[in-house]
Amino acid sequence: MSGAACNFLLLCRPGMTLQTRDRHLLIVTRIDRGVGLIHGSVEGIGDCRWGADGRLAGAPCGAAGPLDLRAPEEAAPRAPQHRVTLAEALDPANRAACCD
């Protein structure tokens, strides 16, 4: 789910934890659906407000910025990454290609 396609007014609930684009944690404190604002507290920043699209209310020219909300990632299981030890990576028998 991308942030542009996300309606945060429908998604958010008071007490819910989200992240900003710069990965600060925030707690949603209040939803004002009539005005279309989400109120919350960002760690290290303080109280902030966002619109339904997740953009920080009162941002200069409405431009995107680091305090915009990030849509929560869908809970899809991820395949574990294939990890290789340094010894395996340097073993000539394990190389898929050769550079001469």
C-alpha atoms as a PDB file:
ATOM      1  CA  MET A   1       0.000   0.000   0.000  1.00  0.00           C
ATOM      2  CA  SER A   2       1.529   3.299  -0.994  1.00  0.00           C
ATOM      3  CA  GLY A   3       1.128   6.488   1.008  1.00  0.00           C
ATOM      4  CA  ALA A   4      -0.585   8.206  -1.946  1.00  0.00           C
ATOM      5  CA  ALA A   5      -3.295   5.536  -2.077  1.00  0.00           C
ATOM      6  CA  CYS A   6      -3.836   5.488   1.684  1.00  0.00           C
ATOM      7  CA  ASN A   7      -6.680   7.332   3.418  1.00  0.00           C
ATOM      8  CA  PHE A   8      -5.277   7.822   6.893  1.00  0.00           C
ATOM      9  CA  LEU A   9      -8.610   9.072   8.271  1.00  0.00           C
ATOM     10  CA  LEU A  10     -10.061   5.612   7.694  1.00  0.00           C
ATOM     11  CA  LEU A  11      -6.921   3.751   8.736  1.00  0.00           C
ATOM     12  CA  CYS A  12      -5.950   5.525  11.964  1.00  0.00           C
ATOM     13  CA  ARG A  13      -7.366   4.944  15.424  1.00  0.00           C
ATOM     14  CA  PRO A  14      -6.491   6.801  18.651  1.00  0.00           C
ATOM     15  CA  GLY A  15      -3.591   5.065  20.362  1.00  0.00           C
ATOM     16  CA  MET A  16      -2.280   3.601  17.092  1.00  0.00           C
ATOM     17  CA  THR A  17       1.470   3.802  16.454  1.00  0.00           C
ATOM     18  CA  LEU A  18       2.749   4.850  13.016  1.00  0.00           C
ATOM     19  CA  GLN A  19       5.978   6.194  11.544  1.00  0.00           C
ATOM     20  CA  THR A  20       6.849   9.389   9.742  1.00  0.00           C
ATOM     21  CA  ARG A  21       8.800   9.335   6.475  1.00  0.00           C
ATOM     22  CA  ASP A  22      11.996   9.961   8.447  1.00  0.00           C
ATOM     23  CA  ARG A  23      11.090   6.985  10.697  1.00  0.00           C
ATOM     24  CA  HIS A  24      10.120   8.860  13.854  1.00  0.00           C
ATOM     25  CA  LEU A  25       7.498   6.970  15.834  1.00  0.00           C
ATOM     26  CA  LEU A  26       4.222   8.718  16.504  1.00  0.00           C
ATOM     27  CA  ILE A  27       1.116   7.921  18.498  1.00  0.00           C
ATOM     28  CA  VAL A  28      -2.249   8.987  17.101  1.00  0.00           C
ATOM     29  CA  THR A  29      -4.044  10.903  19.843  1.00  0.00           C
ATOM     30  CA  ARG A  30      -7.220  12.108  18.120  1.00  0.00           C
ATOM     31  CA  ILE A  31      -9.041  11.876  14.776  1.00  0.00           C
ATOM     32  CA  ASP A  32     -11.095  14.881  13.673  1.00  0.00           C
ATOM     33  CA  ARG A  33     -13.007  13.485  10.697  1.00  0.00           C
ATOM     34  CA  GLY A  34     -15.189  16.580  10.354  1.00  0.00           C
ATOM     35  CA  VAL A  35     -12.194  18.766   9.617  1.00  0.00           C
ATOM     36  CA  GLY A  36     -10.149  15.953   8.044  1.00  0.00           C
ATOM     37  CA  LEU A  37      -7.238  16.042  10.494  1.00  0.00           C
ATOM     38  CA  ILE A  38      -5.288  13.437  12.410  1.00  0.00           C
ATOM     39  CA  HIS A  39      -3.666  14.612  15.640  1.00  0.00           C
ATOM     40  CA  GLY A  40      -0.677  12.852  17.146  1.00  0.00           C
ATOM     41  CA  SER A  41       2.520  13.151  19.077  1.00  0.00           C
ATOM     42  CA  VAL A  42       5.865  12.514  17.379  1.00  0.00           C
ATOM     43  CA  GLU A  43       8.767  11.382  19.557  1.00  0.00           C
ATOM     44  CA  GLY A  44      11.368  14.108  19.872  1.00  0.00           C
ATOM     45  CA  ILE A  45       9.159  16.616  18.012  1.00  0.00           C
ATOM     46  CA  GLY A  46       5.884  16.978  19.914  1.00  0.00           C
ATOM     47  CA  ASP A  47       2.276  17.430  18.843  1.00  0.00           C
ATOM     48  CA  CYS A  48       1.531  17.525  15.097  1.00  0.00           C
ATOM     49  CA  ARG A  49      -1.460  17.334  12.740  1.00  0.00           C
ATOM     50  CA  TRP A  50      -1.847  15.571   9.394  1.00  0.00           C
ATOM     51  CA  GLY A  51      -4.424  15.601   6.622  1.00  0.00           C
ATOM     52  CA  ALA A  52      -6.267  12.563   5.262  1.00  0.00           C
ATOM     53  CA  ASP A  53      -3.457  11.969   2.747  1.00  0.00           C
ATOM     54  CA  GLY A  54      -0.827  11.816   5.523  1.00  0.00           C
ATOM     55  CA  ARG A  55       0.825  15.149   4.762  1.00  0.00           C
ATOM     56  CA  LEU A  56       1.769  17.359   7.673  1.00  0.00           C
ATOM     57  CA  ALA A  57      -0.874  20.055   8.143  1.00  0.00           C
ATOM     58  CA  GLY A  58       0.589  23.517   7.721  1.00  0.00           C
ATOM     59  CA  ALA A  59       3.563  22.368   5.652  1.00  0.00           C
ATOM     60  CA  PRO A  60       4.923  25.158   3.429  1.00  0.00           C
ATOM     61  CA  CYS A  61       3.025  25.069   0.117  1.00  0.00           C
ATOM     62  CA  GLY A  62       1.705  21.625   1.096  1.00  0.00           C
ATOM     63  CA  ALA A  63       5.013  20.099   0.055  1.00  0.00           C
ATOM     64  CA  ALA A  64       5.961  16.569   1.086  1.00  0.00           C
ATOM     65  CA  GLY A  65       8.379  16.412   3.969  1.00  0.00           C
ATOM     66  CA  PRO A  66      10.046  14.171   6.537  1.00  0.00           C
ATOM     67  CA  LEU A  67       7.156  14.387   9.024  1.00  0.00           C
ATOM     68  CA  ASP A  68       4.563  13.049   6.564  1.00  0.00           C
ATOM     69  CA  LEU A  69       2.964   9.767   7.618  1.00  0.00           C
ATOM     70  CA  ARG A  70       4.101   6.448   6.196  1.00  0.00           C
ATOM     71  CA  ALA A  71       1.439   3.880   5.416  1.00  0.00           C
ATOM     72  CA  PRO A  72       1.857   0.739   7.490  1.00  0.00           C
ATOM     73  CA  GLU A  73       3.356  -2.050   5.478  1.00  0.00           C
ATOM     74  CA  GLU A  74       1.077  -4.915   4.702  1.00  0.00           C
ATOM     75  CA  ALA A  75       1.755  -7.927   6.886  1.00  0.00           C
ATOM     76  CA  ALA A  76       2.980 -10.133   4.075  1.00  0.00           C
ATOM     77  CA  PRO A  77       5.481 -12.804   5.027  1.00  0.00           C
ATOM     78  CA  ARG A  78       8.886 -12.171   3.552  1.00  0.00           C
ATOM     79  CA  ALA A  79      11.179 -14.896   2.337  1.00  0.00           C
ATOM     80  CA  PRO A  80      14.352 -15.071   4.413  1.00  0.00           C
ATOM     81  CA  GLN A  81      17.404 -13.572   2.756  1.00  0.00           C
ATOM     82  CA  HIS A  82      20.053 -15.972   1.527  1.00  0.00           C
ATOM     83  CA  ARG A  83      23.170 -15.291   3.548  1.00  0.00           C
ATOM     84  CA  VAL A  84      26.656 -16.489   2.672  1.00  0.00           C
ATOM     85  CA  THR A  85      29.722 -16.550   4.864  1.00  0.00           C
ATOM     86  CA  LEU A  86      32.912 -14.906   3.674  1.00  0.00           C
ATOM     87  CA  ALA A  87      34.592 -18.303   3.344  1.00  0.00           C
ATOM     88  CA  GLU A  88      31.774 -19.561   1.096  1.00  0.00           C
ATOM     89  CA  ALA A  89      31.889 -16.408  -1.021  1.00  0.00           C
ATOM     90  CA  LEU A  90      35.640 -16.754  -1.583  1.00  0.00           C
ATOM     91  CA  ASP A  91      35.552 -20.493  -2.323  1.00  0.00           C
ATOM     92  CA  PRO A  92      36.210 -20.924  -6.098  1.00  0.00           C
ATOM     93  CA  ALA A  93      33.867 -23.920  -6.224  1.00  0.00           C
ATOM     94  CA  ASN A  94      30.918 -21.721  -5.237  1.00  0.00           C
ATOM     95  CA  ARG A  95      31.399 -18.986  -7.837  1.00  0.00           C
ATOM     96  CA  ALA A  96      28.710 -18.710 -10.481  1.00  0.00           C
ATOM     97  CA  ALA A  97      30.836 -16.584 -12.844  1.00  0.00           C
ATOM     98  CA  CYS A  98      34.478 -15.987 -13.476  1.00  0.00           C
ATOM     99  CA  CYS A  99      36.307 -12.795 -14.330  1.00  0.00           C
ATOM    100  CA  ASP A 100      39.518 -13.462 -16.224  1.00  0.00           C
END
